[in-house]
Amino acid sequence: MPRSISRSVNYAKRVHLIREKNHQKIEEIKMVLEQESHLFIVILGAVIGSILSIFIAYHLKPNLFEYAMLSAIPFALSYSLRKVYIHTLVHSQE
C-alpha cells in the first residue's frame, strides 16, 4: 500500500512539473505575441467596427453624445479581435 501511495505522489509531482513548464511556455509565447502589432487584424477590426458604427448611427436620431459613444466601437472591436487572435494563436500550438 505505501508503495502505491509513493508512486501516486511521484506521478502528481511529475504532472505538476509538466503543467508548470507548459504554463510557463504559454505565457512566454503570449508575451511575445503581445509585443507584435498584428496590423492586419487591427485594421480588419477597425473597418468592421466602423461599418457597424455607421450602420447604427444611420438609424439613430442626430445626437452628438450618441455619435461620440459610437466612435468607440471601432477601437473596442479592433482591440477585442486582436485579443481573440492572440488567444487563438497561443492555444492552437498546444
N, C-alpha and C. Protein backbone atom coordinates (compact mmCIF):
# COMPACT_ATOMS: atom_id res chain seq x y z
N MET A 1 0.81 -1.20 0.00
CA MET A 1 0.00 0.00 0.00
C MET A 1 0.85 1.27 0.00
N PRO A 2 1.88 1.40 0.85
CA PRO A 2 2.68 2.62 0.84
C PRO A 2 3.40 2.84 -0.49
N ARG A 3 3.74 1.74 -1.15
CA ARG A 3 4.45 1.87 -2.42
C ARG A 3 3.55 2.54 -3.47
N SER A 4 2.28 2.16 -3.52
CA SER A 4 1.37 2.77 -4.49
C SER A 4 1.12 4.24 -4.16
N ILE A 5 1.13 4.57 -2.88
CA ILE A 5 0.95 5.97 -2.48
C ILE A 5 2.15 6.79 -2.93
N SER A 6 3.35 6.25 -2.74
CA SER A 6 4.55 7.00 -3.15
C SER A 6 4.60 7.14 -4.67
N ARG A 7 4.12 6.13 -5.39
CA ARG A 7 4.07 6.25 -6.85
C ARG A 7 3.10 7.34 -7.27
N SER A 8 1.95 7.39 -6.60
CA SER A 8 0.97 8.41 -6.97
C SER A 8 1.48 9.81 -6.62
N VAL A 9 2.26 9.92 -5.54
CA VAL A 9 2.84 11.22 -5.18
C VAL A 9 3.87 11.63 -6.22
N ASN A 10 4.71 10.69 -6.62
CA ASN A 10 5.71 10.99 -7.65
C ASN A 10 5.04 11.35 -8.98
N TYR A 11 3.99 10.63 -9.30
CA TYR A 11 3.25 10.93 -10.53
C TYR A 11 2.65 12.33 -10.47
N ALA A 12 2.09 12.67 -9.32
CA ALA A 12 1.49 14.00 -9.16
C ALA A 12 2.56 15.09 -9.28
N LYS A 13 3.74 14.83 -8.74
CA LYS A 13 4.83 15.81 -8.85
C LYS A 13 5.26 15.99 -10.30
N ARG A 14 5.36 14.89 -11.04
CA ARG A 14 5.75 14.98 -12.45
C ARG A 14 4.70 15.72 -13.26
N VAL A 15 3.44 15.39 -13.02
CA VAL A 15 2.36 16.07 -13.74
C VAL A 15 2.37 17.56 -13.42
N HIS A 16 2.60 17.89 -12.17
CA HIS A 16 2.65 19.30 -11.78
C HIS A 16 3.82 20.01 -12.47
N LEU A 17 4.97 19.37 -12.54
CA LEU A 17 6.13 19.99 -13.21
C LEU A 17 5.87 20.18 -14.70
N ILE A 18 5.23 19.20 -15.32
CA ILE A 18 4.93 19.31 -16.75
C ILE A 18 3.93 20.43 -16.99
N ARG A 19 2.91 20.50 -16.16
CA ARG A 19 1.91 21.58 -16.31
C ARG A 19 2.55 22.95 -16.07
N GLU A 20 3.45 23.01 -15.10
CA GLU A 20 4.14 24.27 -14.81
C GLU A 20 4.99 24.71 -16.01
N LYS A 21 5.70 23.77 -16.62
CA LYS A 21 6.51 24.09 -17.80
C LYS A 21 5.63 24.53 -18.97
N ASN A 22 4.52 23.83 -19.18
CA ASN A 22 3.60 24.20 -20.26
C ASN A 22 3.00 25.58 -20.02
N HIS A 23 2.63 25.86 -18.79
CA HIS A 23 2.06 27.17 -18.47
C HIS A 23 3.10 28.27 -18.68
N GLN A 24 4.32 28.00 -18.29
CA GLN A 24 5.40 28.98 -18.46
C GLN A 24 5.67 29.21 -19.95
N LYS A 25 5.64 28.15 -20.73
CA LYS A 25 5.86 28.26 -22.17
C LYS A 25 4.73 29.06 -22.83
N ILE A 26 3.50 28.81 -22.42
CA ILE A 26 2.35 29.54 -22.97
C ILE A 26 2.44 31.02 -22.63
N GLU A 27 2.82 31.33 -21.40
CA GLU A 27 2.95 32.74 -21.00
C GLU A 27 4.06 33.43 -21.78
N GLU A 28 5.13 32.71 -22.06
CA GLU A 28 6.24 33.27 -22.85
C GLU A 28 5.79 33.57 -24.28
N ILE A 29 5.07 32.63 -24.88
CA ILE A 29 4.56 32.83 -26.25
C ILE A 29 3.57 33.99 -26.27
N LYS A 30 2.72 34.06 -25.26
CA LYS A 30 1.73 35.12 -25.18
C LYS A 30 2.40 36.49 -25.07
N MET A 31 3.47 36.57 -24.28
CA MET A 31 4.17 37.83 -24.11
C MET A 31 4.82 38.28 -25.42
N VAL A 32 5.39 37.34 -26.16
CA VAL A 32 5.99 37.67 -27.46
C VAL A 32 4.92 38.13 -28.43
N LEU A 33 3.77 37.47 -28.45
CA LEU A 33 2.69 37.85 -29.36
C LEU A 33 2.07 39.19 -28.98
N GLU A 34 2.05 39.52 -27.69
CA GLU A 34 1.51 40.81 -27.26
C GLU A 34 2.37 41.96 -27.75
N GLN A 35 3.66 41.72 -27.96
CA GLN A 35 4.56 42.78 -28.39
C GLN A 35 4.46 43.05 -29.89
N GLU A 36 3.92 42.11 -30.64
CA GLU A 36 3.76 42.32 -32.08
C GLU A 36 2.52 43.17 -32.34
N SER A 37 2.49 43.81 -33.49
CA SER A 37 1.40 44.75 -33.76
C SER A 37 0.16 44.08 -34.33
N HIS A 38 0.30 43.03 -35.13
CA HIS A 38 -0.83 42.36 -35.78
C HIS A 38 -1.67 43.38 -36.54
N LEU A 39 -1.02 44.11 -37.40
CA LEU A 39 -1.63 45.25 -38.09
C LEU A 39 -2.86 44.85 -38.90
N PHE A 40 -2.80 43.72 -39.60
CA PHE A 40 -3.94 43.29 -40.42
C PHE A 40 -5.18 43.07 -39.56
N ILE A 41 -5.01 42.40 -38.43
CA ILE A 41 -6.14 42.10 -37.55
C ILE A 41 -6.71 43.39 -36.97
N VAL A 42 -5.85 44.31 -36.59
CA VAL A 42 -6.31 45.58 -36.02
C VAL A 42 -7.07 46.39 -37.06
N ILE A 43 -6.54 46.46 -38.28
CA ILE A 43 -7.22 47.20 -39.35
C ILE A 43 -8.55 46.54 -39.69
N LEU A 44 -8.56 45.22 -39.76
CA LEU A 44 -9.81 44.50 -40.04
C LEU A 44 -10.86 44.79 -38.97
N GLY A 45 -10.47 44.77 -37.71
CA GLY A 45 -11.40 45.08 -36.63
C GLY A 45 -11.89 46.51 -36.69
N ALA A 46 -11.00 47.43 -37.05
CA ALA A 46 -11.41 48.84 -37.15
C ALA A 46 -12.39 49.05 -38.31
N VAL A 47 -12.15 48.38 -39.42
CA VAL A 47 -13.05 48.52 -40.57
C VAL A 47 -14.43 47.93 -40.25
N ILE A 48 -14.44 46.75 -39.66
CA ILE A 48 -15.72 46.13 -39.29
C ILE A 48 -16.44 46.99 -38.25
N GLY A 49 -15.69 47.50 -37.28
CA GLY A 49 -16.29 48.37 -36.26
C GLY A 49 -16.82 49.66 -36.84
N SER A 50 -16.11 50.22 -37.82
CA SER A 50 -16.58 51.45 -38.47
C SER A 50 -17.87 51.22 -39.24
N ILE A 51 -17.92 50.12 -39.96
CA ILE A 51 -19.14 49.78 -40.70
C ILE A 51 -20.31 49.59 -39.73
N LEU A 52 -20.05 48.90 -38.64
CA LEU A 52 -21.10 48.69 -37.63
C LEU A 52 -21.54 50.02 -37.02
N SER A 53 -20.59 50.89 -36.72
CA SER A 53 -20.92 52.21 -36.15
C SER A 53 -21.74 53.05 -37.11
N ILE A 54 -21.35 53.05 -38.37
CA ILE A 54 -22.09 53.83 -39.36
C ILE A 54 -23.51 53.29 -39.52
N PHE A 55 -23.64 51.98 -39.51
CA PHE A 55 -24.96 51.37 -39.62
C PHE A 55 -25.85 51.76 -38.44
N ILE A 56 -25.28 51.70 -37.24
CA ILE A 56 -26.06 52.06 -36.05
C ILE A 56 -26.38 53.55 -36.06
N ALA A 57 -25.41 54.38 -36.42
CA ALA A 57 -25.61 55.83 -36.42
C ALA A 57 -26.66 56.25 -37.45
N TYR A 58 -26.75 55.53 -38.54
CA TYR A 58 -27.73 55.86 -39.57
C TYR A 58 -29.15 55.73 -39.04
N HIS A 59 -29.36 54.79 -38.13
CA HIS A 59 -30.70 54.53 -37.61
C HIS A 59 -31.02 55.31 -36.34
N LEU A 60 -30.11 56.16 -35.88
CA LEU A 60 -30.35 56.96 -34.69
C LEU A 60 -30.75 58.38 -35.06
N LYS A 61 -31.38 59.03 -34.12
CA LYS A 61 -31.66 60.46 -34.29
C LYS A 61 -30.36 61.22 -34.04
N PRO A 62 -30.16 62.34 -34.71
CA PRO A 62 -28.90 63.09 -34.55
C PRO A 62 -28.70 63.55 -33.11
N ASN A 63 -27.66 63.06 -32.51
CA ASN A 63 -27.31 63.42 -31.14
C ASN A 63 -25.80 63.30 -31.01
N LEU A 64 -25.15 64.36 -30.60
CA LEU A 64 -23.69 64.37 -30.53
C LEU A 64 -23.15 63.35 -29.53
N PHE A 65 -23.83 63.18 -28.40
CA PHE A 65 -23.38 62.23 -27.39
C PHE A 65 -23.41 60.80 -27.93
N GLU A 66 -24.46 60.43 -28.62
CA GLU A 66 -24.55 59.08 -29.17
C GLU A 66 -23.49 58.85 -30.24
N TYR A 67 -23.24 59.86 -31.06
CA TYR A 67 -22.18 59.72 -32.07
C TYR A 67 -20.81 59.59 -31.42
N ALA A 68 -20.60 60.29 -30.32
CA ALA A 68 -19.33 60.18 -29.60
C ALA A 68 -19.17 58.78 -29.01
N MET A 69 -20.25 58.23 -28.50
CA MET A 69 -20.19 56.87 -27.95
C MET A 69 -19.97 55.84 -29.05
N LEU A 70 -20.56 56.07 -30.21
CA LEU A 70 -20.39 55.14 -31.33
C LEU A 70 -18.97 55.17 -31.89
N SER A 71 -18.27 56.25 -31.68
CA SER A 71 -16.90 56.32 -32.20
C SER A 71 -15.96 55.39 -31.45
N ALA A 72 -16.36 54.88 -30.30
CA ALA A 72 -15.53 53.94 -29.55
C ALA A 72 -15.65 52.52 -30.07
N ILE A 73 -16.67 52.23 -30.85
CA ILE A 73 -16.88 50.86 -31.34
C ILE A 73 -15.71 50.35 -32.18
N PRO A 74 -15.18 51.10 -33.15
CA PRO A 74 -14.06 50.57 -33.93
C PRO A 74 -12.83 50.24 -33.08
N PHE A 75 -12.54 51.08 -32.08
CA PHE A 75 -11.38 50.81 -31.23
C PHE A 75 -11.61 49.58 -30.37
N ALA A 76 -12.79 49.47 -29.80
CA ALA A 76 -13.10 48.32 -28.95
C ALA A 76 -13.11 47.03 -29.75
N LEU A 77 -13.67 47.07 -30.94
CA LEU A 77 -13.74 45.87 -31.76
C LEU A 77 -12.35 45.44 -32.24
N SER A 78 -11.52 46.39 -32.63
CA SER A 78 -10.18 46.02 -33.09
C SER A 78 -9.35 45.47 -31.94
N TYR A 79 -9.49 46.04 -30.74
CA TYR A 79 -8.76 45.54 -29.58
C TYR A 79 -9.21 44.13 -29.21
N SER A 80 -10.52 43.92 -29.18
CA SER A 80 -11.02 42.60 -28.80
C SER A 80 -10.70 41.55 -29.87
N LEU A 81 -10.74 41.94 -31.13
CA LEU A 81 -10.39 40.99 -32.20
C LEU A 81 -8.91 40.61 -32.11
N ARG A 82 -8.06 41.56 -31.76
CA ARG A 82 -6.63 41.27 -31.58
C ARG A 82 -6.42 40.31 -30.42
N LYS A 83 -7.14 40.52 -29.32
CA LYS A 83 -7.02 39.63 -28.16
C LYS A 83 -7.49 38.21 -28.50
N VAL A 84 -8.56 38.10 -29.25
CA VAL A 84 -9.06 36.78 -29.67
C VAL A 84 -8.04 36.11 -30.59
N TYR A 85 -7.43 36.88 -31.48
CA TYR A 85 -6.42 36.34 -32.39
C TYR A 85 -5.21 35.81 -31.61
N ILE A 86 -4.75 36.57 -30.64
CA ILE A 86 -3.60 36.13 -29.83
C ILE A 86 -3.98 34.88 -29.03
N HIS A 87 -5.16 34.86 -28.45
CA HIS A 87 -5.61 33.69 -27.69
C HIS A 87 -5.67 32.45 -28.59
N THR A 88 -6.16 32.64 -29.81
CA THR A 88 -6.25 31.52 -30.75
C THR A 88 -4.86 31.02 -31.14
N LEU A 89 -3.94 31.93 -31.39
CA LEU A 89 -2.58 31.52 -31.73
C LEU A 89 -1.91 30.76 -30.60
N VAL A 90 -2.09 31.23 -29.39
CA VAL A 90 -1.45 30.58 -28.24
C VAL A 90 -2.01 29.19 -28.03
N HIS A 91 -3.31 29.04 -28.10
CA HIS A 91 -3.92 27.74 -27.79
C HIS A 91 -3.97 26.79 -28.98
N SER A 92 -3.67 27.26 -30.17
CA SER A 92 -3.61 26.35 -31.31
C SER A 92 -2.27 25.62 -31.35
N GLN A 93 -1.29 26.10 -30.61
CA GLN A 93 0.03 25.49 -30.60
C GLN A 93 0.20 24.47 -29.49
N GLU A 94 -0.85 24.20 -28.75
CA GLU A 94 -0.75 23.23 -27.65
C GLU A 94 -0.68 21.82 -28.16
